[in-house]
Structures are given as structure tokens and as C-alpha cells.
Amino acid sequence: MTERPLRWSPAVVVLHWINAALIVFLLALGWAMTHSVFDAGTTFDLYQRHKSLGFAALALTLLRMAARLRYPARPCVAGRDGLLARIVQAALYLLTLAAIAAGWLVVSTSPLPVPTQVFGLFVMPTIAAPDAALFAAARLAHQIAAYAVAALVALHVAGALKHLAVDRDDVVRRMLPWATDSDSPPSAPGNPESS
């Protein structure tokens, strides 16, 4: 069995940054849609854009999960920090998928059904019939999942900044598009990478 590389593959790195930017944009757009007042035309356009980008995020998240499984990298942090990192990353994946699934259920069960034109290319099928009670529950689930994703993104970024500024290790460099294995300092004794 070949040893897993230190750095994530280019496919994983690219998908990470595109997906991260898209999720942050979706969170900001969702916040603006629900906390600002726009005219009817702008509101309609924002909701359609949010739905299209949500389905793009679904595809990217699934691709990213597949790429991580296909091209794994070595664990970089041991102990409690490593466990916390794995929990946050797994929760980010699960809650992102949950938020998108709940959003899909929202548009499917809406008492005012509006077809979801994904980037104007095709209509996304619904996954349930219009149902006011299910719509309200899905809307709440979508909102809770989105806030949870925002909190986990903040925790993930805080963890990355800690590794960069406090620990001064090579954890963040593993996910930078321009870094190479030769940029990484030698692993500290006792680190999983040194075995």
C-alpha cells in the first residue's frame, strides 16, 4: 500500500476553495434575502439565484466528498485538536447537505409553487407536494442548518488561524493552492506525519 501524501490533491484543494466561497456567498445572500427589503422583481431574482447556487453547492459538496475519499491525505493533527478538526469537518459536510436538502424541501412544499430554474438551464424537479405544515418545518430546518453551518465555518476558520498564527505548523499550507510539499517544514516528533 502506498503511503498517503502530506498535501491534499489539487482536485481536493480546488473543490475546497470553490465550495467554501460558494457556501459563504450563499449564507450572505440568504441573510440579505431574509433581512432586507427589495422590490418584488429583485426578491424573485435573488431567490432564484439562491436556489441555483444551492444546487451548485450540492453538486460541489458531493464531488468534494468523493475527491477526499479518492485522494486522501495523511492526518495532520493528533490528539484533541485532531479529533475536534475531524468533528467540525464532518459536521460541515453533514449540515451543508442538510441545509440544501431542507431548502429543496422548502421550494418543493411551498404553498406558492415557483419552478426552480437552475441558472435558466433546466427546471429542478420537486421532491414533495405543496404542504403548508411541511413547508414551515422545512423552512425552520433550513434556517437552523444555515446558522449552524455559519457557526462551523467560523470555527473552522478560527482553527486554521490558530494553526497559522499560534502553532505555526504546516496544517494550513496543506490546503493552499500555491503550496507544495517542499514548502512544508519537517513534522514535529509525535505528529502523525512523522510516522
N, C-alpha and C. Protein backbone atom coordinates (compact mmCIF):
# COMPACT_ATOMS: atom_id res chain seq x y z
N MET A 1 0.85 -1.19 0.00
CA MET A 1 0.00 0.00 0.00
C MET A 1 0.89 1.25 0.00
N THR A 2 0.62 2.17 -0.90
CA THR A 2 1.43 3.38 -0.96
C THR A 2 1.04 4.32 0.17
N GLU A 3 2.04 5.05 0.66
CA GLU A 3 1.80 5.98 1.75
C GLU A 3 1.01 7.18 1.25
N ARG A 4 0.06 7.63 2.05
CA ARG A 4 -0.74 8.78 1.65
C ARG A 4 0.12 10.04 1.65
N PRO A 5 -0.14 10.96 0.70
CA PRO A 5 0.68 12.19 0.63
C PRO A 5 0.37 13.13 1.79
N LEU A 6 1.31 14.05 2.02
CA LEU A 6 1.14 15.05 3.06
C LEU A 6 0.06 16.06 2.67
N ARG A 7 0.15 16.54 1.42
CA ARG A 7 -0.80 17.56 0.96
C ARG A 7 -2.04 16.93 0.34
N TRP A 8 -3.13 17.69 0.37
CA TRP A 8 -4.33 17.27 -0.34
C TRP A 8 -4.07 17.38 -1.83
N SER A 9 -4.76 16.58 -2.62
CA SER A 9 -4.58 16.61 -4.08
C SER A 9 -5.09 17.93 -4.63
N PRO A 10 -4.61 18.33 -5.83
CA PRO A 10 -5.11 19.56 -6.45
C PRO A 10 -6.64 19.57 -6.60
N ALA A 11 -7.23 18.41 -6.90
CA ALA A 11 -8.70 18.36 -7.05
C ALA A 11 -9.38 18.71 -5.74
N VAL A 12 -8.90 18.15 -4.63
CA VAL A 12 -9.49 18.43 -3.32
C VAL A 12 -9.31 19.89 -2.95
N VAL A 13 -8.12 20.43 -3.21
CA VAL A 13 -7.83 21.83 -2.87
C VAL A 13 -8.73 22.78 -3.65
N VAL A 14 -8.83 22.58 -4.97
CA VAL A 14 -9.66 23.46 -5.80
C VAL A 14 -11.13 23.38 -5.38
N LEU A 15 -11.62 22.15 -5.17
CA LEU A 15 -13.02 22.00 -4.75
C LEU A 15 -13.27 22.63 -3.38
N HIS A 16 -12.29 22.52 -2.48
CA HIS A 16 -12.41 23.12 -1.15
C HIS A 16 -12.65 24.62 -1.26
N TRP A 17 -11.79 25.31 -2.02
CA TRP A 17 -11.88 26.77 -2.07
C TRP A 17 -13.09 27.26 -2.85
N ILE A 18 -13.45 26.59 -3.94
CA ILE A 18 -14.64 26.99 -4.69
C ILE A 18 -15.89 26.76 -3.83
N ASN A 19 -15.96 25.59 -3.21
CA ASN A 19 -17.12 25.27 -2.38
C ASN A 19 -17.21 26.20 -1.17
N ALA A 20 -16.07 26.49 -0.55
CA ALA A 20 -16.07 27.39 0.61
C ALA A 20 -16.58 28.78 0.22
N ALA A 21 -16.09 29.31 -0.90
CA ALA A 21 -16.53 30.63 -1.36
C ALA A 21 -18.02 30.62 -1.67
N LEU A 22 -18.49 29.54 -2.29
CA LEU A 22 -19.90 29.44 -2.64
C LEU A 22 -20.78 29.36 -1.40
N ILE A 23 -20.36 28.58 -0.41
CA ILE A 23 -21.16 28.46 0.81
C ILE A 23 -21.22 29.78 1.58
N VAL A 24 -20.10 30.47 1.67
CA VAL A 24 -20.09 31.77 2.35
C VAL A 24 -20.99 32.75 1.60
N PHE A 25 -20.93 32.74 0.27
CA PHE A 25 -21.78 33.62 -0.52
C PHE A 25 -23.26 33.28 -0.31
N LEU A 26 -23.58 31.97 -0.29
CA LEU A 26 -24.97 31.55 -0.06
C LEU A 26 -25.47 32.01 1.31
N LEU A 27 -24.62 31.89 2.33
CA LEU A 27 -25.01 32.35 3.66
C LEU A 27 -25.28 33.86 3.67
N ALA A 28 -24.41 34.62 3.01
CA ALA A 28 -24.59 36.07 2.95
C ALA A 28 -25.84 36.43 2.15
N LEU A 29 -26.05 35.74 1.03
CA LEU A 29 -27.22 36.00 0.20
C LEU A 29 -28.51 35.65 0.95
N GLY A 30 -28.49 34.51 1.65
CA GLY A 30 -29.65 34.12 2.44
C GLY A 30 -29.97 35.14 3.52
N TRP A 31 -28.92 35.65 4.16
CA TRP A 31 -29.11 36.68 5.19
C TRP A 31 -29.73 37.94 4.57
N ALA A 32 -29.19 38.37 3.44
CA ALA A 32 -29.70 39.58 2.77
C ALA A 32 -31.16 39.38 2.34
N MET A 33 -31.48 38.21 1.81
CA MET A 33 -32.84 37.94 1.34
C MET A 33 -33.86 38.01 2.47
N THR A 34 -33.47 37.55 3.64
CA THR A 34 -34.43 37.46 4.75
C THR A 34 -34.39 38.66 5.69
N HIS A 35 -33.38 39.52 5.57
CA HIS A 35 -33.28 40.66 6.49
C HIS A 35 -33.28 42.02 5.79
N SER A 36 -33.55 42.03 4.49
CA SER A 36 -33.60 43.29 3.75
C SER A 36 -34.91 43.35 2.97
N VAL A 37 -35.25 44.55 2.55
CA VAL A 37 -36.49 44.74 1.79
C VAL A 37 -36.10 45.12 0.36
N PHE A 38 -36.60 44.32 -0.59
CA PHE A 38 -36.35 44.57 -2.01
C PHE A 38 -37.69 44.62 -2.73
N ASP A 39 -37.68 45.17 -3.93
CA ASP A 39 -38.91 45.14 -4.73
C ASP A 39 -39.17 43.70 -5.18
N ALA A 40 -40.36 43.43 -5.67
CA ALA A 40 -40.78 42.06 -6.00
C ALA A 40 -39.87 41.40 -7.03
N GLY A 41 -39.49 42.16 -8.05
CA GLY A 41 -38.63 41.60 -9.11
C GLY A 41 -37.26 41.20 -8.58
N THR A 42 -36.66 42.08 -7.76
CA THR A 42 -35.35 41.78 -7.19
C THR A 42 -35.43 40.59 -6.24
N THR A 43 -36.49 40.55 -5.43
CA THR A 43 -36.68 39.44 -4.50
C THR A 43 -36.77 38.12 -5.26
N PHE A 44 -37.57 38.10 -6.33
CA PHE A 44 -37.71 36.89 -7.14
C PHE A 44 -36.35 36.46 -7.70
N ASP A 45 -35.61 37.41 -8.26
CA ASP A 45 -34.29 37.10 -8.84
C ASP A 45 -33.32 36.57 -7.79
N LEU A 46 -33.33 37.17 -6.58
CA LEU A 46 -32.43 36.72 -5.52
C LEU A 46 -32.76 35.29 -5.07
N TYR A 47 -34.05 35.00 -4.95
CA TYR A 47 -34.44 33.64 -4.54
C TYR A 47 -34.07 32.62 -5.61
N GLN A 48 -34.26 32.97 -6.88
CA GLN A 48 -33.88 32.06 -7.96
C GLN A 48 -32.36 31.84 -7.97
N ARG A 49 -31.61 32.91 -7.76
CA ARG A 49 -30.15 32.79 -7.71
C ARG A 49 -29.72 31.93 -6.52
N HIS A 50 -30.35 32.17 -5.38
CA HIS A 50 -30.02 31.40 -4.18
C HIS A 50 -30.30 29.91 -4.40
N LYS A 51 -31.42 29.59 -5.02
CA LYS A 51 -31.76 28.19 -5.28
C LYS A 51 -30.78 27.57 -6.27
N SER A 52 -30.45 28.28 -7.35
CA SER A 52 -29.50 27.75 -8.33
C SER A 52 -28.14 27.50 -7.69
N LEU A 53 -27.67 28.47 -6.91
CA LEU A 53 -26.36 28.31 -6.25
C LEU A 53 -26.40 27.21 -5.20
N GLY A 54 -27.56 27.02 -4.56
CA GLY A 54 -27.69 25.93 -3.60
C GLY A 54 -27.51 24.58 -4.26
N PHE A 55 -28.10 24.40 -5.44
CA PHE A 55 -27.92 23.13 -6.16
C PHE A 55 -26.49 22.98 -6.66
N ALA A 56 -25.84 24.09 -7.03
CA ALA A 56 -24.43 24.02 -7.40
C ALA A 56 -23.59 23.61 -6.18
N ALA A 57 -23.94 24.14 -5.01
CA ALA A 57 -23.22 23.76 -3.79
C ALA A 57 -23.43 22.29 -3.46
N LEU A 58 -24.63 21.77 -3.73
CA LEU A 58 -24.88 20.35 -3.52
C LEU A 58 -23.95 19.50 -4.39
N ALA A 59 -23.88 19.84 -5.67
CA ALA A 59 -23.01 19.09 -6.59
C ALA A 59 -21.55 19.19 -6.15
N LEU A 60 -21.10 20.39 -5.80
CA LEU A 60 -19.70 20.57 -5.39
C LEU A 60 -19.39 19.84 -4.09
N THR A 61 -20.32 19.86 -3.14
CA THR A 61 -20.10 19.18 -1.86
C THR A 61 -19.97 17.67 -2.08
N LEU A 62 -20.83 17.11 -2.92
CA LEU A 62 -20.74 15.68 -3.21
C LEU A 62 -19.45 15.34 -3.94
N LEU A 63 -19.06 16.19 -4.90
CA LEU A 63 -17.78 15.99 -5.60
C LEU A 63 -16.60 16.07 -4.64
N ARG A 64 -16.68 17.04 -3.73
CA ARG A 64 -15.60 17.23 -2.76
C ARG A 64 -15.47 16.03 -1.83
N MET A 65 -16.59 15.49 -1.38
CA MET A 65 -16.56 14.31 -0.53
C MET A 65 -15.96 13.12 -1.28
N ALA A 66 -16.36 12.96 -2.55
CA ALA A 66 -15.81 11.87 -3.36
C ALA A 66 -14.31 12.05 -3.58
N ALA A 67 -13.88 13.29 -3.83
CA ALA A 67 -12.45 13.55 -4.05
C ALA A 67 -11.64 13.27 -2.79
N ARG A 68 -12.17 13.63 -1.64
CA ARG A 68 -11.46 13.36 -0.38
C ARG A 68 -11.30 11.86 -0.14
N LEU A 69 -12.33 11.09 -0.50
CA LEU A 69 -12.24 9.64 -0.34
C LEU A 69 -11.28 9.03 -1.36
N ARG A 70 -11.30 9.57 -2.57
CA ARG A 70 -10.44 9.03 -3.65
C ARG A 70 -8.99 9.43 -3.47
N TYR A 71 -8.73 10.64 -2.98
CA TYR A 71 -7.36 11.15 -2.83
C TYR A 71 -7.11 11.60 -1.39
N PRO A 72 -7.05 10.68 -0.45
CA PRO A 72 -6.87 11.08 0.96
C PRO A 72 -5.45 11.58 1.23
N ALA A 73 -5.35 12.44 2.22
CA ALA A 73 -4.04 12.91 2.69
C ALA A 73 -3.82 12.36 4.09
N ARG A 74 -2.58 12.44 4.54
CA ARG A 74 -2.27 11.96 5.88
C ARG A 74 -2.91 12.85 6.93
N PRO A 75 -3.30 12.29 8.09
CA PRO A 75 -3.78 13.13 9.19
C PRO A 75 -2.67 14.09 9.60
N CYS A 76 -3.04 15.30 9.96
CA CYS A 76 -2.00 16.28 10.27
C CYS A 76 -1.96 16.69 11.73
N VAL A 77 -3.00 16.39 12.48
CA VAL A 77 -3.03 16.82 13.88
C VAL A 77 -3.48 15.63 14.73
N ALA A 78 -2.75 15.40 15.81
CA ALA A 78 -3.09 14.30 16.71
C ALA A 78 -3.86 14.83 17.92
N GLY A 79 -4.37 13.92 18.72
CA GLY A 79 -4.97 14.28 20.00
C GLY A 79 -6.29 15.00 19.87
N ARG A 80 -6.56 15.83 20.89
CA ARG A 80 -7.84 16.53 20.99
C ARG A 80 -8.08 17.47 19.81
N ASP A 81 -7.03 18.20 19.37
CA ASP A 81 -7.19 19.11 18.24
C ASP A 81 -7.57 18.35 16.97
N GLY A 82 -6.95 17.20 16.76
CA GLY A 82 -7.26 16.39 15.58
C GLY A 82 -8.68 15.88 15.62
N LEU A 83 -9.12 15.44 16.79
CA LEU A 83 -10.49 14.96 16.93
C LEU A 83 -11.48 16.09 16.68
N LEU A 84 -11.22 17.27 17.25
CA LEU A 84 -12.11 18.42 17.04
C LEU A 84 -12.16 18.80 15.56
N ALA A 85 -11.00 18.79 14.89
CA ALA A 85 -10.97 19.13 13.46
C ALA A 85 -11.82 18.15 12.66
N ARG A 86 -11.70 16.86 12.95
CA ARG A 86 -12.48 15.86 12.22
C ARG A 86 -13.98 16.01 12.48
N ILE A 87 -14.34 16.33 13.72
CA ILE A 87 -15.75 16.52 14.05
C ILE A 87 -16.32 17.73 13.32
N VAL A 88 -15.57 18.84 13.33
CA VAL A 88 -16.04 20.06 12.65
C VAL A 88 -16.17 19.83 11.15
N GLN A 89 -15.18 19.16 10.55
CA GLN A 89 -15.24 18.92 9.10
C GLN A 89 -16.42 18.01 8.74
N ALA A 90 -16.61 16.93 9.51
CA ALA A 90 -17.74 16.03 9.24
C ALA A 90 -19.07 16.76 9.43
N ALA A 91 -19.16 17.57 10.49
CA ALA A 91 -20.39 18.32 10.73
C ALA A 91 -20.65 19.34 9.62
N LEU A 92 -19.59 19.96 9.10
CA LEU A 92 -19.75 20.89 7.98
C LEU A 92 -20.35 20.19 6.76
N TYR A 93 -19.83 19.03 6.44
CA TYR A 93 -20.38 18.28 5.31
C TYR A 93 -21.84 17.93 5.55
N LEU A 94 -22.12 17.33 6.71
CA LEU A 94 -23.48 16.86 7.00
C LEU A 94 -24.48 18.01 7.06
N LEU A 95 -24.09 19.11 7.73
CA LEU A 95 -25.02 20.23 7.86
C LEU A 95 -25.21 20.99 6.54
N THR A 96 -24.17 21.03 5.71
CA THR A 96 -24.31 21.64 4.39
C THR A 96 -25.33 20.85 3.57
N LEU A 97 -25.19 19.51 3.59
CA LEU A 97 -26.14 18.67 2.87
C LEU A 97 -27.54 18.81 3.46
N ALA A 98 -27.63 18.89 4.79
CA ALA A 98 -28.93 19.04 5.44
C ALA A 98 -29.58 20.38 5.07
N ALA A 99 -28.80 21.44 5.06
CA ALA A 99 -29.34 22.76 4.70
C ALA A 99 -29.86 22.76 3.27
N ILE A 100 -29.11 22.13 2.36
CA ILE A 100 -29.54 22.10 0.96
C ILE A 100 -30.78 21.23 0.80
N ALA A 101 -30.80 20.07 1.47
CA ALA A 101 -31.97 19.19 1.39
C ALA A 101 -33.21 19.90 1.95
N ALA A 102 -33.04 20.60 3.07
CA ALA A 102 -34.18 21.34 3.64
C ALA A 102 -34.62 22.45 2.71
N GLY A 103 -33.67 23.13 2.06
CA GLY A 103 -34.02 24.18 1.10
C GLY A 103 -34.78 23.61 -0.09
N TRP A 104 -34.36 22.44 -0.55
CA TRP A 104 -35.06 21.77 -1.66
C TRP A 104 -36.48 21.41 -1.24
N LEU A 105 -36.63 20.99 0.01
CA LEU A 105 -37.96 20.66 0.53
C LEU A 105 -38.82 21.93 0.66
N VAL A 106 -38.18 23.04 1.02
CA VAL A 106 -38.90 24.32 1.11
C VAL A 106 -39.51 24.69 -0.23
N VAL A 107 -38.69 24.67 -1.30
CA VAL A 107 -39.21 25.08 -2.61
C VAL A 107 -40.20 24.06 -3.15
N SER A 108 -40.06 22.80 -2.73
CA SER A 108 -40.98 21.76 -3.21
C SER A 108 -42.35 21.86 -2.55
N THR A 109 -42.38 22.16 -1.25
CA THR A 109 -43.64 22.15 -0.50
C THR A 109 -44.30 23.52 -0.38
N SER A 110 -43.69 24.53 -0.96
CA SER A 110 -44.23 25.89 -0.85
C SER A 110 -45.68 25.95 -1.33
N PRO A 111 -46.55 26.62 -0.55
CA PRO A 111 -47.95 26.80 -0.99
C PRO A 111 -48.04 27.61 -2.28
N LEU A 112 -47.00 28.38 -2.58
CA LEU A 112 -46.94 29.13 -3.83
C LEU A 112 -45.82 28.53 -4.67
N PRO A 113 -46.09 27.44 -5.37
CA PRO A 113 -45.02 26.74 -6.09
C PRO A 113 -44.46 27.57 -7.25
N VAL A 114 -43.16 27.81 -7.18
CA VAL A 114 -42.47 28.53 -8.25
C VAL A 114 -41.39 27.59 -8.76
N PRO A 115 -41.40 27.24 -10.05
CA PRO A 115 -40.38 26.32 -10.57
C PRO A 115 -38.97 26.87 -10.34
N THR A 116 -38.07 25.98 -9.98
CA THR A 116 -36.67 26.36 -9.78
C THR A 116 -35.93 26.20 -11.10
N GLN A 117 -35.65 27.33 -11.75
CA GLN A 117 -34.88 27.34 -12.99
C GLN A 117 -33.41 27.42 -12.60
N VAL A 118 -32.70 26.32 -12.71
CA VAL A 118 -31.29 26.29 -12.31
C VAL A 118 -30.46 27.01 -13.37
N PHE A 119 -30.03 28.22 -13.01
CA PHE A 119 -29.26 29.09 -13.91
C PHE A 119 -29.96 29.26 -15.27
N GLY A 120 -31.29 29.14 -15.29
CA GLY A 120 -32.04 29.30 -16.52
C GLY A 120 -31.85 28.16 -17.51
N LEU A 121 -31.21 27.07 -17.08
CA LEU A 121 -30.89 25.97 -18.00
C LEU A 121 -31.93 24.86 -17.97
N PHE A 122 -32.42 24.53 -16.78
CA PHE A 122 -33.41 23.46 -16.65
C PHE A 122 -34.18 23.67 -15.35
N VAL A 123 -35.33 23.00 -15.27
CA VAL A 123 -36.17 23.09 -14.06
C VAL A 123 -35.82 21.93 -13.16
N MET A 124 -35.50 22.25 -11.90
CA MET A 124 -35.19 21.20 -10.93
C MET A 124 -36.49 20.56 -10.47
N PRO A 125 -36.56 19.23 -10.47
CA PRO A 125 -37.81 18.59 -10.03
C PRO A 125 -38.04 18.80 -8.53
N THR A 126 -39.30 18.76 -8.14
CA THR A 126 -39.64 18.87 -6.72
C THR A 126 -39.53 17.49 -6.08
N ILE A 127 -39.39 17.46 -4.75
CA ILE A 127 -39.25 16.18 -4.04
C ILE A 127 -40.45 15.91 -3.14
N ALA A 128 -41.44 16.80 -3.16
CA ALA A 128 -42.66 16.62 -2.37
C ALA A 128 -43.75 17.52 -2.94
N ALA A 129 -44.97 17.23 -2.55
CA ALA A 129 -46.10 18.05 -2.99
C ALA A 129 -46.24 19.27 -2.09
N PRO A 130 -46.89 20.35 -2.57
CA PRO A 130 -47.13 21.51 -1.70
C PRO A 130 -47.85 21.10 -0.42
N ASP A 131 -47.34 21.61 0.71
CA ASP A 131 -47.88 21.24 2.03
C ASP A 131 -47.46 22.32 3.01
N ALA A 132 -48.41 23.08 3.50
CA ALA A 132 -48.10 24.24 4.35
C ALA A 132 -47.35 23.85 5.62
N ALA A 133 -47.75 22.77 6.26
CA ALA A 133 -47.09 22.37 7.51
C ALA A 133 -45.66 21.90 7.25
N LEU A 134 -45.49 21.10 6.22
CA LEU A 134 -44.15 20.61 5.88
C LEU A 134 -43.27 21.76 5.41
N PHE A 135 -43.87 22.70 4.69
CA PHE A 135 -43.14 23.90 4.25
C PHE A 135 -42.59 24.67 5.44
N ALA A 136 -43.42 24.88 6.47
CA ALA A 136 -42.98 25.63 7.66
C ALA A 136 -41.86 24.89 8.39
N ALA A 137 -41.99 23.56 8.51
CA ALA A 137 -40.97 22.78 9.20
C ALA A 137 -39.66 22.78 8.41
N ALA A 138 -39.75 22.65 7.09
CA ALA A 138 -38.55 22.63 6.24
C ALA A 138 -37.86 23.99 6.26
N ARG A 139 -38.67 25.04 6.28
CA ARG A 139 -38.10 26.40 6.32
C ARG A 139 -37.32 26.62 7.62
N LEU A 140 -37.88 26.17 8.74
CA LEU A 140 -37.19 26.28 10.02
C LEU A 140 -35.91 25.44 10.02
N ALA A 141 -35.99 24.22 9.49
CA ALA A 141 -34.81 23.35 9.43
C ALA A 141 -33.72 23.97 8.56
N HIS A 142 -34.12 24.57 7.44
CA HIS A 142 -33.17 25.23 6.54
C HIS A 142 -32.46 26.38 7.25
N GLN A 143 -33.24 27.16 7.99
CA GLN A 143 -32.68 28.30 8.71
C GLN A 143 -31.72 27.84 9.82
N ILE A 144 -32.12 26.85 10.60
CA ILE A 144 -31.27 26.35 11.69
C ILE A 144 -29.98 25.76 11.13
N ALA A 145 -30.11 24.96 10.06
CA ALA A 145 -28.92 24.36 9.45
C ALA A 145 -27.98 25.43 8.90
N ALA A 146 -28.54 26.48 8.31
CA ALA A 146 -27.71 27.56 7.76
C ALA A 146 -26.95 28.28 8.87
N TYR A 147 -27.61 28.57 9.98
CA TYR A 147 -26.92 29.21 11.11
C TYR A 147 -25.84 28.29 11.68
N ALA A 148 -26.14 26.99 11.73
CA ALA A 148 -25.15 26.03 12.24
C ALA A 148 -23.94 25.97 11.31
N VAL A 149 -24.19 25.97 9.99
CA VAL A 149 -23.08 25.98 9.03
C VAL A 149 -22.24 27.24 9.21
N ALA A 150 -22.89 28.39 9.38
CA ALA A 150 -22.15 29.64 9.58
C ALA A 150 -21.27 29.57 10.82
N ALA A 151 -21.81 29.00 11.91
CA ALA A 151 -21.02 28.86 13.14
C ALA A 151 -19.84 27.92 12.93
N LEU A 152 -20.05 26.82 12.22
CA LEU A 152 -18.96 25.87 11.97
C LEU A 152 -17.91 26.44 11.03
N VAL A 153 -18.34 27.23 10.05
CA VAL A 153 -17.37 27.90 9.17
C VAL A 153 -16.48 28.82 10.00
N ALA A 154 -17.10 29.58 10.91
CA ALA A 154 -16.31 30.46 11.78
C ALA A 154 -15.34 29.66 12.64
N LEU A 155 -15.78 28.52 13.17
CA LEU A 155 -14.91 27.67 13.99
C LEU A 155 -13.78 27.08 13.15
N HIS A 156 -14.09 26.68 11.93
CA HIS A 156 -13.09 26.13 11.01
C HIS A 156 -12.02 27.17 10.68
N VAL A 157 -12.47 28.39 10.39
CA VAL A 157 -11.53 29.48 10.09
C VAL A 157 -10.69 29.81 11.32
N ALA A 158 -11.31 29.84 12.49
CA ALA A 158 -10.57 30.11 13.74
C ALA A 158 -9.50 29.04 13.96
N GLY A 159 -9.84 27.78 13.71
CA GLY A 159 -8.87 26.71 13.85
C GLY A 159 -7.71 26.87 12.88
N ALA A 160 -8.01 27.24 11.63
CA ALA A 160 -6.96 27.46 10.64
C ALA A 160 -6.05 28.62 11.06
N LEU A 161 -6.65 29.70 11.55
CA LEU A 161 -5.85 30.84 12.00
C LEU A 161 -4.98 30.48 13.20
N LYS A 162 -5.49 29.63 14.09
CA LYS A 162 -4.69 29.17 15.23
C LYS A 162 -3.46 28.40 14.75
N HIS A 163 -3.67 27.50 13.77
CA HIS A 163 -2.53 26.74 13.24
C HIS A 163 -1.53 27.66 12.55
N LEU A 164 -2.03 28.69 11.90
CA LEU A 164 -1.16 29.60 11.15
C LEU A 164 -0.40 30.54 12.08
N ALA A 165 -1.10 31.17 13.03
CA ALA A 165 -0.50 32.23 13.85
C ALA A 165 0.06 31.76 15.18
N VAL A 166 -0.56 30.74 15.78
CA VAL A 166 -0.13 30.31 17.12
C VAL A 166 0.76 29.08 17.03
N ASP A 167 0.25 28.03 16.40
CA ASP A 167 1.03 26.78 16.31
C ASP A 167 2.15 26.88 15.29
N ARG A 168 1.97 27.73 14.29
CA ARG A 168 2.95 27.93 13.22
C ARG A 168 3.39 26.60 12.60
N ASP A 169 2.38 25.75 12.31
CA ASP A 169 2.69 24.47 11.69
C ASP A 169 2.24 24.50 10.22
N ASP A 170 2.28 23.35 9.57
CA ASP A 170 2.00 23.30 8.13
C ASP A 170 0.58 22.88 7.79
N VAL A 171 -0.32 22.91 8.76
CA VAL A 171 -1.68 22.44 8.54
C VAL A 171 -2.38 23.25 7.44
N VAL A 172 -2.30 24.56 7.49
CA VAL A 172 -2.99 25.40 6.51
C VAL A 172 -2.35 25.26 5.13
N ARG A 173 -1.03 25.14 5.08
CA ARG A 173 -0.33 25.02 3.79
C ARG A 173 -0.80 23.81 3.00
N ARG A 174 -1.29 22.78 3.70
CA ARG A 174 -1.76 21.58 3.01
C ARG A 174 -2.94 21.86 2.09
N MET A 175 -3.66 22.95 2.35
CA MET A 175 -4.86 23.26 1.58
C MET A 175 -4.68 24.52 0.73
N LEU A 176 -3.49 25.09 0.69
CA LEU A 176 -3.25 26.28 -0.14
C LEU A 176 -2.92 25.86 -1.56
N PRO A 177 -3.56 26.49 -2.55
CA PRO A 177 -3.35 26.08 -3.94
C PRO A 177 -1.91 26.25 -4.43
N TRP A 178 -1.18 27.22 -3.89
CA TRP A 178 0.16 27.51 -4.40
C TRP A 178 1.27 26.81 -3.62
N ALA A 179 0.96 26.14 -2.53
CA ALA A 179 1.99 25.49 -1.71
C ALA A 179 2.34 24.12 -2.28
N THR A 180 3.53 23.64 -1.96
CA THR A 180 3.97 22.30 -2.35
C THR A 180 4.47 21.58 -1.12
N ASP A 181 4.70 20.28 -1.25
CA ASP A 181 5.24 19.51 -0.12
C ASP A 181 6.57 20.07 0.36
N SER A 182 7.36 20.62 -0.58
CA SER A 182 8.67 21.14 -0.19
C SER A 182 8.56 22.41 0.63
N ASP A 183 7.38 23.09 0.59
CA ASP A 183 7.17 24.29 1.41
C ASP A 183 6.95 23.94 2.87
N SER A 184 6.58 22.68 3.13
CA SER A 184 6.19 22.30 4.48
C SER A 184 7.40 22.02 5.34
N PRO A 185 7.42 22.55 6.58
CA PRO A 185 8.53 22.25 7.47
C PRO A 185 8.46 20.80 7.91
N PRO A 186 9.57 20.23 8.38
CA PRO A 186 9.53 18.85 8.85
C PRO A 186 8.51 18.70 9.96
N SER A 187 7.90 17.52 10.01
CA SER A 187 6.90 17.27 11.05
C SER A 187 7.54 17.19 12.42
N ALA A 188 6.81 17.67 13.39
CA ALA A 188 7.31 17.62 14.76
C ALA A 188 7.25 16.17 15.26
N PRO A 189 8.18 15.78 16.15
CA PRO A 189 8.13 14.43 16.71
C PRO A 189 6.78 14.20 17.38
N GLY A 190 6.23 13.02 17.18
CA GLY A 190 4.94 12.69 17.79
C GLY A 190 3.76 13.07 16.92
N ASN A 191 4.01 13.84 15.85
CA ASN A 191 2.94 14.18 14.93
C ASN A 191 2.64 12.96 14.07
N PRO A 192 1.40 12.77 13.61
CA PRO A 192 1.09 11.61 12.80
C PRO A 192 1.89 11.56 11.51
N GLU A 193 2.31 12.75 11.01
CA GLU A 193 3.03 12.81 9.74
C GLU A 193 4.43 12.22 9.87
N SER A 194 4.98 12.22 11.06
CA SER A 194 6.36 11.79 11.22
C SER A 194 6.50 10.28 11.29
N SER A 195 5.36 9.56 11.37
CA SER A 195 5.44 8.10 11.48
C SER A 195 5.46 7.45 10.12
